[in-house]
Amino acid sequence: MHLRVHGRVQGVFFRGSAEEEARALGLTGWVRNSADGTVEAVAEGDEKVLERFVVWCHQGPPGALVTNVEISRADATGEFRDFRIRR
């Protein structure tokens, strides 16, 4: 699953919180800040667990103000061993 999170999502510990949430859920993939001010993430795992992560992304951590979450789905590649912040 590929997500792009819009709103006040940079400078509010969104990436770090997303990493913690994804790891707690047992997901693999990555999260990063994008130059356009959004946060981008790729997550792989069980479909029901991915939906829980999407719900979390719609809210984010305290201080975030999420206005939209774009979601695209694709088959998992299995290339990730864990969930990390990318720079």
PDB file of N, CA and C in Angstrom:
ATOM      1  N   MET A   1       0.843  -1.164   0.000  1.00  0.00           N
ATOM      2  CA  MET A   1       0.000   0.000   0.000  1.00  0.00           C
ATOM      3  C   MET A   1       0.895   1.235   0.000  1.00  0.00           C
ATOM      4  N   HIS A   2       0.557   2.185  -0.845  1.00  0.00           N
ATOM      5  CA  HIS A   2       1.273   3.454  -0.904  1.00  0.00           C
ATOM      6  C   HIS A   2       0.344   4.545  -0.394  1.00  0.00           C
ATOM      7  N   LEU A   3       0.843   5.356   0.531  1.00  0.00           N
ATOM      8  CA  LEU A   3       0.035   6.433   1.096  1.00  0.00           C
ATOM      9  C   LEU A   3       0.759   7.763   0.935  1.00  0.00           C
ATOM     10  N   ARG A   4      -0.001   8.808   0.679  1.00  0.00           N
ATOM     11  CA  ARG A   4       0.514  10.180   0.690  1.00  0.00           C
ATOM     12  C   ARG A   4      -0.422  10.968   1.598  1.00  0.00           C
ATOM     13  N   VAL A   5       0.148  11.492   2.694  1.00  0.00           N
ATOM     14  CA  VAL A   5      -0.636  12.163   3.721  1.00  0.00           C
ATOM     15  C   VAL A   5      -0.445  13.673   3.581  1.00  0.00           C
ATOM     16  N   HIS A   6      -1.555  14.387   3.449  1.00  0.00           N
ATOM     17  CA  HIS A   6      -1.550  15.837   3.256  1.00  0.00           C
ATOM     18  C   HIS A   6      -1.978  16.550   4.534  1.00  0.00           C
ATOM     19  N   GLY A   7      -1.561  17.799   4.669  1.00  0.00           N
ATOM     20  CA  GLY A   7      -1.953  18.632   5.799  1.00  0.00           C
ATOM     21  C   GLY A   7      -0.716  19.112   6.534  1.00  0.00           C
ATOM     22  N   ARG A   8      -0.891  19.443   7.819  1.00  0.00           N
ATOM     23  CA  ARG A   8       0.262  19.806   8.661  1.00  0.00           C
ATOM     24  C   ARG A   8       0.820  18.504   9.209  1.00  0.00           C
ATOM     25  N   VAL A   9       1.728  17.912   8.430  1.00  0.00           N
ATOM     26  CA  VAL A   9       2.238  16.583   8.764  1.00  0.00           C
ATOM     27  C   VAL A   9       3.765  16.539   8.847  1.00  0.00           C
ATOM     28  N   GLN A  10       4.412  17.654   8.559  1.00  0.00           N
ATOM     29  CA  GLN A  10       5.863  17.722   8.730  1.00  0.00           C
ATOM     30  C   GLN A  10       6.163  18.632   9.913  1.00  0.00           C
ATOM     31  N   GLY A  11       7.182  18.246  10.686  1.00  0.00           N
ATOM     32  CA  GLY A  11       7.550  19.025  11.861  1.00  0.00           C
ATOM     33  C   GLY A  11       6.679  18.733  13.073  1.00  0.00           C
ATOM     34  N   VAL A  12       5.894  17.661  13.018  1.00  0.00           N
ATOM     35  CA  VAL A  12       5.016  17.289  14.137  1.00  0.00           C
ATOM     36  C   VAL A  12       5.260  15.845  14.572  1.00  0.00           C
ATOM     37  N   PHE A  13       6.423  15.302  14.244  1.00  0.00           N
ATOM     38  CA  PHE A  13       6.817  13.931  14.604  1.00  0.00           C
ATOM     39  C   PHE A  13       5.941  12.890  13.928  1.00  0.00           C
ATOM     40  N   PHE A  14       5.419  13.212  12.720  1.00  0.00           N
ATOM     41  CA  PHE A  14       4.574  12.265  12.007  1.00  0.00           C
ATOM     42  C   PHE A  14       5.360  11.022  11.596  1.00  0.00           C
ATOM     43  N   ARG A  15       6.541  11.212  11.016  1.00  0.00           N
ATOM     44  CA  ARG A  15       7.323  10.051  10.557  1.00  0.00           C
ATOM     45  C   ARG A  15       7.678   9.121  11.704  1.00  0.00           C
ATOM     46  N   GLY A  16       8.173   9.681  12.790  1.00  0.00           N
ATOM     47  CA  GLY A  16       8.561   8.859  13.929  1.00  0.00           C
ATOM     48  C   GLY A  16       7.379   8.125  14.533  1.00  0.00           C
ATOM     49  N   SER A  17       6.255   8.821  14.621  1.00  0.00           N
ATOM     50  CA  SER A  17       5.049   8.187  15.153  1.00  0.00           C
ATOM     51  C   SER A  17       4.520   7.112  14.210  1.00  0.00           C
ATOM     52  N   ALA A  18       4.592   7.372  12.902  1.00  0.00           N
ATOM     53  CA  ALA A  18       4.152   6.381  11.918  1.00  0.00           C
ATOM     54  C   ALA A  18       5.037   5.140  11.982  1.00  0.00           C
ATOM     55  N   GLU A  19       6.327   5.351  12.152  1.00  0.00           N
ATOM     56  CA  GLU A  19       7.247   4.223  12.275  1.00  0.00           C
ATOM     57  C   GLU A  19       6.880   3.381  13.500  1.00  0.00           C
ATOM     58  N   GLU A  20       6.637   4.030  14.630  1.00  0.00           N
ATOM     59  CA  GLU A  20       6.264   3.306  15.848  1.00  0.00           C
ATOM     60  C   GLU A  20       4.956   2.535  15.655  1.00  0.00           C
ATOM     61  N   GLU A  21       3.972   3.202  15.045  1.00  0.00           N
ATOM     62  CA  GLU A  21       2.668   2.562  14.834  1.00  0.00           C
ATOM     63  C   GLU A  21       2.795   1.355  13.905  1.00  0.00           C
ATOM     64  N   ALA A  22       3.496   1.531  12.799  1.00  0.00           N
ATOM     65  CA  ALA A  22       3.650   0.446  11.826  1.00  0.00           C
ATOM     66  C   ALA A  22       4.397  -0.734  12.441  1.00  0.00           C
ATOM     67  N   ARG A  23       5.435  -0.453  13.199  1.00  0.00           N
ATOM     68  CA  ARG A  23       6.176  -1.544  13.842  1.00  0.00           C
ATOM     69  C   ARG A  23       5.311  -2.272  14.861  1.00  0.00           C
ATOM     70  N   ALA A  24       4.533  -1.514  15.630  1.00  0.00           N
ATOM     71  CA  ALA A  24       3.654  -2.124  16.625  1.00  0.00           C
ATOM     72  C   ALA A  24       2.613  -3.023  15.954  1.00  0.00           C
ATOM     73  N   LEU A  25       2.208  -2.648  14.749  1.00  0.00           N
ATOM     74  CA  LEU A  25       1.231  -3.438  14.000  1.00  0.00           C
ATOM     75  C   LEU A  25       1.869  -4.596  13.234  1.00  0.00           C
ATOM     76  N   GLY A  26       3.200  -4.636  13.194  1.00  0.00           N
ATOM     77  CA  GLY A  26       3.891  -5.711  12.482  1.00  0.00           C
ATOM     78  C   GLY A  26       4.002  -5.490  10.983  1.00  0.00           C
ATOM     79  N   LEU A  27       3.878  -4.233  10.545  1.00  0.00           N
ATOM     80  CA  LEU A  27       3.994  -3.915   9.121  1.00  0.00           C
ATOM     81  C   LEU A  27       5.442  -3.719   8.727  1.00  0.00           C
ATOM     82  N   THR A  28       5.729  -3.851   7.446  1.00  0.00           N
ATOM     83  CA  THR A  28       7.049  -3.545   6.911  1.00  0.00           C
ATOM     84  C   THR A  28       6.892  -2.441   5.871  1.00  0.00           C
ATOM     85  N   GLY A  29       8.006  -1.733   5.597  1.00  0.00           N
ATOM     86  CA  GLY A  29       7.990  -0.673   4.597  1.00  0.00           C
ATOM     87  C   GLY A  29       8.789   0.523   5.051  1.00  0.00           C
ATOM     88  N   TRP A  30       8.319   1.715   4.674  1.00  0.00           N
ATOM     89  CA  TRP A  30       9.046   2.937   5.000  1.00  0.00           C
ATOM     90  C   TRP A  30       8.112   4.143   5.013  1.00  0.00           C
ATOM     91  N   VAL A  31       8.614   5.238   5.595  1.00  0.00           N
ATOM     92  CA  VAL A  31       7.914   6.519   5.632  1.00  0.00           C
ATOM     93  C   VAL A  31       8.953   7.617   5.434  1.00  0.00           C
ATOM     94  N   ARG A  32       8.576   8.708   4.749  1.00  0.00           N
ATOM     95  CA  ARG A  32       9.505   9.823   4.540  1.00  0.00           C
ATOM     96  C   ARG A  32       8.737  11.116   4.295  1.00  0.00           C
ATOM     97  N   ASN A  33       9.408  12.237   4.560  1.00  0.00           N
ATOM     98  CA  ASN A  33       8.888  13.540   4.181  1.00  0.00           C
ATOM     99  C   ASN A  33       9.135  13.736   2.696  1.00  0.00           C
ATOM    100  N   SER A  34       8.186  14.347   2.012  1.00  0.00           N
ATOM    101  CA  SER A  34       8.348  14.673   0.598  1.00  0.00           C
ATOM    102  C   SER A  34       8.558  16.181   0.464  1.00  0.00           C
ATOM    103  N   ALA A  35       9.205  16.575  -0.616  1.00  0.00           N
ATOM    104  CA  ALA A  35       9.517  17.985  -0.851  1.00  0.00           C
ATOM    105  C   ALA A  35       8.255  18.840  -0.963  1.00  0.00           C
ATOM    106  N   ASP A  36       7.122  18.249  -1.330  1.00  0.00           N
ATOM    107  CA  ASP A  36       5.886  19.021  -1.493  1.00  0.00           C
ATOM    108  C   ASP A  36       5.135  19.240  -0.178  1.00  0.00           C
ATOM    109  N   GLY A  37       5.728  18.820   0.955  1.00  0.00           N
ATOM    110  CA  GLY A  37       5.118  19.035   2.262  1.00  0.00           C
ATOM    111  C   GLY A  37       4.260  17.888   2.753  1.00  0.00           C
ATOM    112  N   THR A  38       4.120  16.847   1.954  1.00  0.00           N
ATOM    113  CA  THR A  38       3.357  15.676   2.378  1.00  0.00           C
ATOM    114  C   THR A  38       4.283  14.674   3.051  1.00  0.00           C
ATOM    115  N   VAL A  39       3.688  13.655   3.642  1.00  0.00           N
ATOM    116  CA  VAL A  39       4.432  12.501   4.139  1.00  0.00           C
ATOM    117  C   VAL A  39       4.006  11.321   3.284  1.00  0.00           C
ATOM    118  N   GLU A  40       4.985  10.563   2.822  1.00  0.00           N
ATOM    119  CA  GLU A  40       4.748   9.420   1.944  1.00  0.00           C
ATOM    120  C   GLU A  40       5.141   8.144   2.683  1.00  0.00           C
ATOM    121  N   ALA A  41       4.360   7.095   2.503  1.00  0.00           N
ATOM    122  CA  ALA A  41       4.672   5.818   3.145  1.00  0.00           C
ATOM    123  C   ALA A  41       4.325   4.667   2.215  1.00  0.00           C
ATOM    124  N   VAL A  42       5.098   3.607   2.344  1.00  0.00           N
ATOM    125  CA  VAL A  42       4.791   2.331   1.705  1.00  0.00           C
ATOM    126  C   VAL A  42       4.731   1.318   2.835  1.00  0.00           C
ATOM    127  N   ALA A  43       3.633   0.575   2.897  1.00  0.00           N
ATOM    128  CA  ALA A  43       3.465  -0.413   3.965  1.00  0.00           C
ATOM    129  C   ALA A  43       2.978  -1.728   3.383  1.00  0.00           C
ATOM    130  N   GLU A  44       3.511  -2.816   3.919  1.00  0.00           N
ATOM    131  CA  GLU A  44       3.098  -4.157   3.525  1.00  0.00           C
ATOM    132  C   GLU A  44       2.707  -4.936   4.763  1.00  0.00           C
ATOM    133  N   GLY A  45       1.693  -5.776   4.623  1.00  0.00           N
ATOM    134  CA  GLY A  45       1.239  -6.620   5.715  1.00  0.00           C
ATOM    135  C   GLY A  45      -0.162  -7.121   5.448  1.00  0.00           C
ATOM    136  N   ASP A  46      -0.751  -7.708   6.459  1.00  0.00           N
ATOM    137  CA  ASP A  46      -2.108  -8.220   6.380  1.00  0.00           C
ATOM    138  C   ASP A  46      -3.080  -7.081   6.071  1.00  0.00           C
ATOM    139  N   GLU A  47      -4.052  -7.331   5.220  1.00  0.00           N
ATOM    140  CA  GLU A  47      -4.988  -6.292   4.769  1.00  0.00           C
ATOM    141  C   GLU A  47      -5.724  -5.615   5.932  1.00  0.00           C
ATOM    142  N   LYS A  48      -6.179  -6.387   6.901  1.00  0.00           N
ATOM    143  CA  LYS A  48      -6.886  -5.797   8.036  1.00  0.00           C
ATOM    144  C   LYS A  48      -5.966  -4.918   8.871  1.00  0.00           C
ATOM    145  N   VAL A  49      -4.720  -5.319   8.997  1.00  0.00           N
ATOM    146  CA  VAL A  49      -3.745  -4.529   9.749  1.00  0.00           C
ATOM    147  C   VAL A  49      -3.398  -3.255   8.975  1.00  0.00           C
ATOM    148  N   LEU A  50      -3.274  -3.366   7.658  1.00  0.00           N
ATOM    149  CA  LEU A  50      -3.031  -2.175   6.836  1.00  0.00           C
ATOM    150  C   LEU A  50      -4.158  -1.164   7.012  1.00  0.00           C
ATOM    151  N   GLU A  51      -5.386  -1.644   7.098  1.00  0.00           N
ATOM    152  CA  GLU A  51      -6.521  -0.730   7.290  1.00  0.00           C
ATOM    153  C   GLU A  51      -6.420  -0.008   8.627  1.00  0.00           C
ATOM    154  N   ARG A  52      -5.917  -0.671   9.647  1.00  0.00           N
ATOM    155  CA  ARG A  52      -5.706  -0.004  10.946  1.00  0.00           C
ATOM    156  C   ARG A  52      -4.658   1.091  10.822  1.00  0.00           C
ATOM    157  N   PHE A  53      -3.622   0.855  10.025  1.00  0.00           N
ATOM    158  CA  PHE A  53      -2.587   1.865   9.807  1.00  0.00           C
ATOM    159  C   PHE A  53      -3.166   3.059   9.040  1.00  0.00           C
ATOM    160  N   VAL A  54      -4.006   2.787   8.063  1.00  0.00           N
ATOM    161  CA  VAL A  54      -4.654   3.870   7.310  1.00  0.00           C
ATOM    162  C   VAL A  54      -5.502   4.724   8.247  1.00  0.00           C
ATOM    163  N   VAL A  55      -6.264   4.093   9.123  1.00  0.00           N
ATOM    164  CA  VAL A  55      -7.068   4.836  10.091  1.00  0.00           C
ATOM    165  C   VAL A  55      -6.164   5.725  10.930  1.00  0.00           C
ATOM    166  N   TRP A  56      -5.040   5.187  11.398  1.00  0.00           N
ATOM    167  CA  TRP A  56      -4.103   5.984  12.191  1.00  0.00           C
ATOM    168  C   TRP A  56      -3.574   7.163  11.360  1.00  0.00           C
ATOM    169  N   CYS A  57      -3.237   6.923  10.100  1.00  0.00           N
ATOM    170  CA  CYS A  57      -2.694   7.992   9.240  1.00  0.00           C
ATOM    171  C   CYS A  57      -3.686   9.127   9.033  1.00  0.00           C
ATOM    172  N   HIS A  58      -4.976   8.845   9.081  1.00  0.00           N
ATOM    173  CA  HIS A  58      -5.972   9.902   8.939  1.00  0.00           C
ATOM    174  C   HIS A  58      -5.969  10.854  10.137  1.00  0.00           C
ATOM    175  N   GLN A  59      -5.420  10.416  11.258  1.00  0.00           N
ATOM    176  CA  GLN A  59      -5.337  11.267  12.440  1.00  0.00           C
ATOM    177  C   GLN A  59      -3.903  11.709  12.690  1.00  0.00           C
ATOM    178  N   GLY A  60      -2.971  10.764  12.684  1.00  0.00           N
ATOM    179  CA  GLY A  60      -1.575  11.073  12.961  1.00  0.00           C
ATOM    180  C   GLY A  60      -1.353  11.361  14.427  1.00  0.00           C
ATOM    181  N   PRO A  61      -0.155  11.845  14.758  1.00  0.00           N
ATOM    182  CA  PRO A  61       0.187  12.132  16.150  1.00  0.00           C
ATOM    183  C   PRO A  61      -0.416  13.465  16.600  1.00  0.00           C
ATOM    184  N   PRO A  62      -0.387  13.735  17.906  1.00  0.00           N
ATOM    185  CA  PRO A  62      -0.826  15.048  18.379  1.00  0.00           C
ATOM    186  C   PRO A  62      -0.023  16.141  17.657  1.00  0.00           C
ATOM    187  N   GLY A  63      -0.667  17.200  17.270  1.00  0.00           N
ATOM    188  CA  GLY A  63       0.004  18.283  16.556  1.00  0.00           C
ATOM    189  C   GLY A  63      -0.178  18.208  15.060  1.00  0.00           C
ATOM    190  N   ALA A  64      -0.498  17.040  14.545  1.00  0.00           N
ATOM    191  CA  ALA A  64      -0.739  16.897  13.104  1.00  0.00           C
ATOM    192  C   ALA A  64      -2.165  17.331  12.783  1.00  0.00           C
ATOM    193  N   LEU A  65      -2.348  17.832  11.580  1.00  0.00           N
ATOM    194  CA  LEU A  65      -3.673  18.159  11.069  1.00  0.00           C
ATOM    195  C   LEU A  65      -3.776  17.573   9.672  1.00  0.00           C
ATOM    196  N   VAL A  66      -4.281  16.356   9.598  1.00  0.00           N
ATOM    197  CA  VAL A  66      -4.366  15.635   8.325  1.00  0.00           C
ATOM    198  C   VAL A  66      -5.608  16.113   7.570  1.00  0.00           C
ATOM    199  N   THR A  67      -5.395  16.522   6.313  1.00  0.00           N
ATOM    200  CA  THR A  67      -6.516  16.977   5.490  1.00  0.00           C
ATOM    201  C   THR A  67      -6.917  15.957   4.437  1.00  0.00           C
ATOM    202  N   ASN A  68      -6.007  15.053   4.074  1.00  0.00           N
ATOM    203  CA  ASN A  68      -6.313  14.050   3.060  1.00  0.00           C
ATOM    204  C   ASN A  68      -5.269  12.940   3.111  1.00  0.00           C
ATOM    205  N   VAL A  69      -5.687  11.730   2.811  1.00  0.00           N
ATOM    206  CA  VAL A  69      -4.762  10.603   2.669  1.00  0.00           C
ATOM    207  C   VAL A  69      -5.059   9.939   1.332  1.00  0.00           C
ATOM    208  N   GLU A  70      -4.111  10.022   0.418  1.00  0.00           N
ATOM    209  CA  GLU A  70      -4.232   9.338  -0.868  1.00  0.00           C
ATOM    210  C   GLU A  70      -3.709   7.919  -0.686  1.00  0.00           C
ATOM    211  N   ILE A  71      -4.454   6.944  -1.199  1.00  0.00           N
ATOM    212  CA  ILE A  71      -4.080   5.543  -1.030  1.00  0.00           C
ATOM    213  C   ILE A  71      -4.084   4.855  -2.381  1.00  0.00           C
ATOM    214  N   SER A  72      -3.015   4.136  -2.661  1.00  0.00           N
ATOM    215  CA  SER A  72      -3.008   3.258  -3.832  1.00  0.00           C
ATOM    216  C   SER A  72      -2.523   1.893  -3.365  1.00  0.00           C
ATOM    217  N   ARG A  73      -3.106   0.879  -3.945  1.00  0.00           N
ATOM    218  CA  ARG A  73      -2.804  -0.488  -3.531  1.00  0.00           C
ATOM    219  C   ARG A  73      -2.095  -1.233  -4.653  1.00  0.00           C
ATOM    220  N   ALA A  74      -1.209  -2.110  -4.256  1.00  0.00           N
ATOM    221  CA  ALA A  74      -0.492  -2.975  -5.197  1.00  0.00           C
ATOM    222  C   ALA A  74      -0.152  -4.261  -4.466  1.00  0.00           C
ATOM    223  N   ASP A  75       0.246  -5.260  -5.204  1.00  0.00           N
ATOM    224  CA  ASP A  75       0.677  -6.510  -4.584  1.00  0.00           C
ATOM    225  C   ASP A  75       1.952  -6.271  -3.787  1.00  0.00           C
ATOM    226  N   ALA A  76       2.059  -6.927  -2.656  1.00  0.00           N
ATOM    227  CA  ALA A  76       3.259  -6.823  -1.823  1.00  0.00           C
ATOM    228  C   ALA A  76       4.458  -7.407  -2.561  1.00  0.00           C
ATOM    229  N   THR A  77       5.604  -6.771  -2.379  1.00  0.00           N
ATOM    230  CA  THR A  77       6.829  -7.249  -3.017  1.00  0.00           C
ATOM    231  C   THR A  77       7.647  -8.136  -2.088  1.00  0.00           C
ATOM    232  N   GLY A  78       7.451  -8.000  -0.774  1.00  0.00           N
ATOM    233  CA  GLY A  78       8.222  -8.766   0.195  1.00  0.00           C
ATOM    234  C   GLY A  78       9.652  -8.298   0.341  1.00  0.00           C
ATOM    235  N   GLU A  79       9.959  -7.113  -0.189  1.00  0.00           N
ATOM    236  CA  GLU A  79      11.342  -6.622  -0.175  1.00  0.00           C
ATOM    237  C   GLU A  79      11.759  -5.995   1.157  1.00  0.00           C
ATOM    238  N   PHE A  80      10.816  -5.723   2.052  1.00  0.00           N
ATOM    239  CA  PHE A  80      11.139  -5.030   3.303  1.00  0.00           C
ATOM    240  C   PHE A  80      11.227  -6.011   4.463  1.00  0.00           C
ATOM    241  N   ARG A  81      12.192  -5.772   5.332  1.00  0.00           N
ATOM    242  CA  ARG A  81      12.377  -6.628   6.524  1.00  0.00           C
ATOM    243  C   ARG A  81      11.732  -5.996   7.763  1.00  0.00           C
ATOM    244  N   ASP A  82      11.620  -4.671   7.745  1.00  0.00           N
ATOM    245  CA  ASP A  82      11.041  -3.948   8.880  1.00  0.00           C
ATOM    246  C   ASP A  82      10.434  -2.653   8.358  1.00  0.00           C
ATOM    247  N   PHE A  83      10.073  -1.761   9.265  1.00  0.00           N
ATOM    248  CA  PHE A  83       9.516  -0.476   8.886  1.00  0.00           C
ATOM    249  C   PHE A  83      10.489   0.597   9.332  1.00  0.00           C
ATOM    250  N   ARG A  84      10.869   1.504   8.423  1.00  0.00           N
ATOM    251  CA  ARG A  84      11.904   2.497   8.723  1.00  0.00           C
ATOM    252  C   ARG A  84      11.540   3.874   8.185  1.00  0.00           C
ATOM    253  N   ILE A  85      12.182   4.858   8.772  1.00  0.00           N
ATOM    254  CA  ILE A  85      12.127   6.217   8.238  1.00  0.00           C
ATOM    255  C   ILE A  85      13.182   6.313   7.140  1.00  0.00           C
ATOM    256  N   ARG A  86      12.771   6.819   5.996  1.00  0.00           N
ATOM    257  CA  ARG A  86      13.715   7.085   4.901  1.00  0.00           C
ATOM    258  C   ARG A  86      13.987   8.573   4.863  1.00  0.00           C
ATOM    259  N   ARG A  87      15.174   8.930   4.506  1.00  0.00           N
ATOM    260  CA  ARG A  87      15.548  10.346   4.390  1.00  0.00           C
ATOM    261  C   ARG A  87      15.542  10.768   2.954  1.00  0.00           C
TER     262      ARG A  87
END
